[in-house]
N, C-alpha and C. Protein backbone atom coordinates (compact mmCIF):
# COMPACT_ATOMS: atom_id res chain seq x y z
N MET A 1 -12.49 -1.88 -89.46
CA MET A 1 -12.47 -1.21 -88.18
C MET A 1 -11.12 -0.48 -88.03
N ASP A 2 -11.15 0.73 -87.56
CA ASP A 2 -9.97 1.58 -87.39
C ASP A 2 -9.04 0.99 -86.32
N SER A 3 -7.75 0.86 -86.65
CA SER A 3 -6.80 0.27 -85.70
C SER A 3 -6.59 1.17 -84.48
N GLY A 4 -6.68 2.48 -84.67
CA GLY A 4 -6.57 3.41 -83.54
C GLY A 4 -7.72 3.23 -82.56
N TRP A 5 -8.90 3.05 -83.12
CA TRP A 5 -10.09 2.83 -82.29
C TRP A 5 -9.95 1.53 -81.50
N ILE A 6 -9.48 0.49 -82.17
CA ILE A 6 -9.28 -0.81 -81.51
C ILE A 6 -8.24 -0.68 -80.40
N SER A 7 -7.18 0.02 -80.67
CA SER A 7 -6.12 0.23 -79.68
C SER A 7 -6.65 0.99 -78.46
N THR A 8 -7.44 2.02 -78.71
CA THR A 8 -8.01 2.80 -77.61
C THR A 8 -8.90 1.94 -76.72
N TYR A 9 -9.80 1.20 -77.33
CA TYR A 9 -10.70 0.35 -76.54
C TYR A 9 -9.95 -0.78 -75.84
N SER A 10 -8.94 -1.29 -76.48
CA SER A 10 -8.13 -2.34 -75.85
C SER A 10 -7.46 -1.79 -74.60
N TRP A 11 -6.92 -0.57 -74.69
CA TRP A 11 -6.28 0.07 -73.54
C TRP A 11 -7.30 0.31 -72.43
N VAL A 12 -8.45 0.83 -72.76
CA VAL A 12 -9.47 1.11 -71.76
C VAL A 12 -9.91 -0.18 -71.05
N TYR A 13 -10.13 -1.22 -71.82
CA TYR A 13 -10.56 -2.49 -71.21
C TYR A 13 -9.48 -3.11 -70.35
N SER A 14 -8.22 -2.95 -70.73
CA SER A 14 -7.14 -3.48 -69.88
C SER A 14 -7.07 -2.70 -68.57
N GLN A 15 -7.32 -1.40 -68.64
CA GLN A 15 -7.36 -0.59 -67.41
C GLN A 15 -8.55 -0.99 -66.54
N GLN A 16 -9.68 -1.29 -67.17
CA GLN A 16 -10.85 -1.74 -66.43
C GLN A 16 -10.54 -3.05 -65.70
N GLU A 17 -9.86 -3.94 -66.38
CA GLU A 17 -9.48 -5.21 -65.76
C GLU A 17 -8.57 -4.98 -64.56
N TYR A 18 -7.62 -4.03 -64.69
CA TYR A 18 -6.74 -3.72 -63.57
C TYR A 18 -7.52 -3.16 -62.39
N VAL A 19 -8.44 -2.25 -62.65
CA VAL A 19 -9.27 -1.66 -61.58
C VAL A 19 -10.10 -2.75 -60.90
N ASN A 20 -10.67 -3.64 -61.69
CA ASN A 20 -11.46 -4.74 -61.11
C ASN A 20 -10.61 -5.61 -60.21
N SER A 21 -9.40 -5.96 -60.65
CA SER A 21 -8.55 -6.82 -59.84
C SER A 21 -8.08 -6.11 -58.58
N MET A 22 -7.83 -4.81 -58.69
CA MET A 22 -7.44 -4.03 -57.52
C MET A 22 -8.58 -3.98 -56.50
N ALA A 23 -9.80 -3.76 -56.97
CA ALA A 23 -10.96 -3.73 -56.07
C ALA A 23 -11.13 -5.07 -55.35
N LEU A 24 -10.99 -6.14 -56.08
CA LEU A 24 -11.12 -7.47 -55.48
C LEU A 24 -10.03 -7.71 -54.44
N ALA A 25 -8.81 -7.29 -54.73
CA ALA A 25 -7.71 -7.44 -53.77
C ALA A 25 -7.98 -6.65 -52.49
N ILE A 26 -8.52 -5.45 -52.63
CA ILE A 26 -8.82 -4.63 -51.45
C ILE A 26 -9.91 -5.29 -50.61
N VAL A 27 -10.94 -5.78 -51.25
CA VAL A 27 -12.03 -6.44 -50.52
C VAL A 27 -11.50 -7.69 -49.80
N ASN A 28 -10.64 -8.45 -50.46
CA ASN A 28 -10.06 -9.62 -49.82
C ASN A 28 -9.19 -9.23 -48.62
N GLU A 29 -8.44 -8.15 -48.76
CA GLU A 29 -7.59 -7.66 -47.66
C GLU A 29 -8.46 -7.19 -46.50
N GLU A 30 -9.55 -6.56 -46.81
CA GLU A 30 -10.47 -6.10 -45.77
C GLU A 30 -11.02 -7.28 -44.98
N THR A 31 -11.33 -8.35 -45.67
CA THR A 31 -11.83 -9.56 -45.02
C THR A 31 -10.78 -10.13 -44.08
N ARG A 32 -9.53 -10.22 -44.55
CA ARG A 32 -8.45 -10.76 -43.71
C ARG A 32 -8.16 -9.87 -42.52
N ALA A 33 -8.28 -8.56 -42.70
CA ALA A 33 -7.96 -7.61 -41.63
C ALA A 33 -8.84 -7.80 -40.41
N SER A 34 -10.06 -8.21 -40.63
CA SER A 34 -10.98 -8.36 -39.50
C SER A 34 -11.01 -9.78 -38.92
N ALA A 35 -10.07 -10.61 -39.32
CA ALA A 35 -10.06 -12.01 -38.86
C ALA A 35 -9.96 -12.12 -37.35
N ALA A 36 -9.07 -11.34 -36.74
CA ALA A 36 -8.91 -11.43 -35.27
C ALA A 36 -10.20 -11.08 -34.56
N LEU A 37 -10.89 -10.09 -35.05
CA LEU A 37 -12.16 -9.70 -34.44
C LEU A 37 -13.22 -10.79 -34.62
N GLN A 38 -13.22 -11.44 -35.74
CA GLN A 38 -14.16 -12.54 -35.97
C GLN A 38 -13.90 -13.70 -35.01
N VAL A 39 -12.64 -13.94 -34.70
CA VAL A 39 -12.28 -15.05 -33.81
C VAL A 39 -12.75 -14.78 -32.38
N VAL A 40 -12.49 -13.58 -31.88
CA VAL A 40 -12.84 -13.29 -30.47
C VAL A 40 -14.30 -12.86 -30.30
N LYS A 41 -14.93 -12.40 -31.36
CA LYS A 41 -16.34 -11.99 -31.37
C LYS A 41 -16.65 -10.73 -30.55
N ASP A 42 -15.72 -10.31 -29.71
CA ASP A 42 -15.95 -9.15 -28.85
C ASP A 42 -14.69 -8.28 -28.88
N PRO A 43 -14.79 -7.04 -29.34
CA PRO A 43 -13.60 -6.18 -29.45
C PRO A 43 -12.85 -6.00 -28.12
N VAL A 44 -13.57 -6.11 -27.01
CA VAL A 44 -12.94 -5.95 -25.70
C VAL A 44 -11.88 -7.04 -25.45
N LYS A 45 -12.06 -8.18 -26.11
CA LYS A 45 -11.15 -9.30 -25.91
C LYS A 45 -9.86 -9.18 -26.75
N LEU A 46 -9.79 -8.19 -27.61
CA LEU A 46 -8.58 -8.01 -28.42
C LEU A 46 -7.47 -7.40 -27.58
N SER A 47 -6.26 -7.83 -27.82
CA SER A 47 -5.11 -7.26 -27.12
C SER A 47 -4.81 -5.88 -27.71
N PRO A 48 -4.08 -5.05 -26.99
CA PRO A 48 -3.70 -3.74 -27.55
C PRO A 48 -2.94 -3.88 -28.88
N ALA A 49 -2.10 -4.88 -29.00
CA ALA A 49 -1.36 -5.09 -30.25
C ALA A 49 -2.31 -5.46 -31.39
N GLU A 50 -3.31 -6.28 -31.09
CA GLU A 50 -4.29 -6.66 -32.12
C GLU A 50 -5.12 -5.46 -32.55
N ILE A 51 -5.47 -4.62 -31.59
CA ILE A 51 -6.24 -3.41 -31.92
C ILE A 51 -5.41 -2.47 -32.78
N GLU A 52 -4.14 -2.31 -32.41
CA GLU A 52 -3.26 -1.45 -33.21
C GLU A 52 -3.10 -1.99 -34.63
N THR A 53 -2.93 -3.29 -34.75
CA THR A 53 -2.82 -3.91 -36.07
C THR A 53 -4.09 -3.71 -36.87
N LEU A 54 -5.23 -3.89 -36.24
CA LEU A 54 -6.51 -3.70 -36.91
C LEU A 54 -6.69 -2.25 -37.36
N LEU A 55 -6.32 -1.30 -36.52
CA LEU A 55 -6.44 0.11 -36.88
C LEU A 55 -5.51 0.47 -38.04
N LEU A 56 -4.27 -0.01 -37.99
CA LEU A 56 -3.33 0.27 -39.07
C LEU A 56 -3.79 -0.35 -40.39
N LYS A 57 -4.24 -1.58 -40.33
CA LYS A 57 -4.71 -2.26 -41.53
C LYS A 57 -5.94 -1.54 -42.09
N SER A 58 -6.82 -1.09 -41.22
CA SER A 58 -8.00 -0.34 -41.66
C SER A 58 -7.60 0.96 -42.36
N ALA A 59 -6.59 1.64 -41.82
CA ALA A 59 -6.11 2.87 -42.46
C ALA A 59 -5.50 2.57 -43.82
N GLU A 60 -4.75 1.47 -43.92
CA GLU A 60 -4.17 1.08 -45.22
C GLU A 60 -5.27 0.78 -46.23
N ILE A 61 -6.31 0.11 -45.78
CA ILE A 61 -7.43 -0.22 -46.67
C ILE A 61 -8.14 1.05 -47.13
N ASP A 62 -8.33 1.99 -46.21
CA ASP A 62 -8.94 3.27 -46.58
C ASP A 62 -8.11 3.98 -47.65
N LEU A 63 -6.80 3.97 -47.49
CA LEU A 63 -5.92 4.59 -48.49
C LEU A 63 -6.02 3.86 -49.83
N SER A 64 -6.11 2.55 -49.77
CA SER A 64 -6.25 1.76 -51.01
C SER A 64 -7.56 2.11 -51.72
N PHE A 65 -8.62 2.28 -50.95
CA PHE A 65 -9.90 2.66 -51.56
C PHE A 65 -9.82 4.06 -52.17
N ALA A 66 -9.11 4.97 -51.51
CA ALA A 66 -8.95 6.32 -52.06
C ALA A 66 -8.18 6.28 -53.38
N THR A 67 -7.14 5.45 -53.43
CA THR A 67 -6.37 5.28 -54.66
C THR A 67 -7.24 4.68 -55.75
N LEU A 68 -8.02 3.68 -55.38
CA LEU A 68 -8.92 3.05 -56.34
C LEU A 68 -9.94 4.06 -56.88
N GLN A 69 -10.44 4.90 -56.01
CA GLN A 69 -11.41 5.91 -56.44
C GLN A 69 -10.77 6.86 -57.47
N THR A 70 -9.53 7.25 -57.24
CA THR A 70 -8.82 8.10 -58.19
C THR A 70 -8.64 7.39 -59.52
N MET A 71 -8.28 6.10 -59.46
CA MET A 71 -8.10 5.33 -60.68
C MET A 71 -9.42 5.16 -61.43
N MET A 72 -10.51 4.99 -60.69
CA MET A 72 -11.81 4.84 -61.33
C MET A 72 -12.23 6.14 -62.02
N LYS A 73 -11.88 7.27 -61.43
CA LYS A 73 -12.18 8.56 -62.06
C LYS A 73 -11.41 8.68 -63.37
N ALA A 74 -10.13 8.29 -63.34
CA ALA A 74 -9.33 8.33 -64.56
C ALA A 74 -9.90 7.37 -65.61
N LEU A 75 -10.33 6.21 -65.17
CA LEU A 75 -10.93 5.24 -66.09
C LEU A 75 -12.22 5.78 -66.70
N ASP A 76 -13.00 6.45 -65.88
CA ASP A 76 -14.23 7.06 -66.39
C ASP A 76 -13.90 8.08 -67.48
N ASP A 77 -12.86 8.86 -67.26
CA ASP A 77 -12.42 9.83 -68.27
C ASP A 77 -11.96 9.12 -69.54
N MET A 78 -11.27 7.97 -69.37
CA MET A 78 -10.84 7.20 -70.55
C MET A 78 -12.03 6.71 -71.35
N TYR A 79 -13.06 6.24 -70.64
CA TYR A 79 -14.28 5.79 -71.34
C TYR A 79 -14.90 6.95 -72.13
N ALA A 80 -14.98 8.11 -71.49
CA ALA A 80 -15.56 9.27 -72.16
C ALA A 80 -14.76 9.66 -73.40
N GLN A 81 -13.44 9.64 -73.31
CA GLN A 81 -12.60 9.97 -74.46
C GLN A 81 -12.74 8.91 -75.56
N ALA A 82 -12.80 7.66 -75.17
CA ALA A 82 -12.95 6.58 -76.15
C ALA A 82 -14.28 6.72 -76.90
N LEU A 83 -15.33 7.09 -76.18
CA LEU A 83 -16.63 7.27 -76.81
C LEU A 83 -16.62 8.43 -77.79
N LYS A 84 -15.86 9.46 -77.46
CA LYS A 84 -15.76 10.60 -78.37
C LYS A 84 -15.06 10.22 -79.67
N ARG A 85 -14.13 9.27 -79.57
CA ARG A 85 -13.38 8.83 -80.76
C ARG A 85 -14.23 7.98 -81.68
N SER A 86 -15.22 7.32 -81.10
CA SER A 86 -16.00 6.38 -81.94
C SER A 86 -17.05 7.06 -82.76
């Protein structure tokens, strides 16, 4: 087996692992972000500070998902290039 080919696939799979762990971290953060809302069950019962925190955290999560989407596009390109090498 060609060592260059092995190196390429090893790199791609390590990037896939990173993307997977990043996605899991974002989903976990999303779960924690809505904890206050889960406790009160009614958004009207949230304080203005809690609402602001929830909105900011939601915006951060949206940005994280946008970054992840960019990384996934790059990973998709890596897969395509790796397939061309094989």
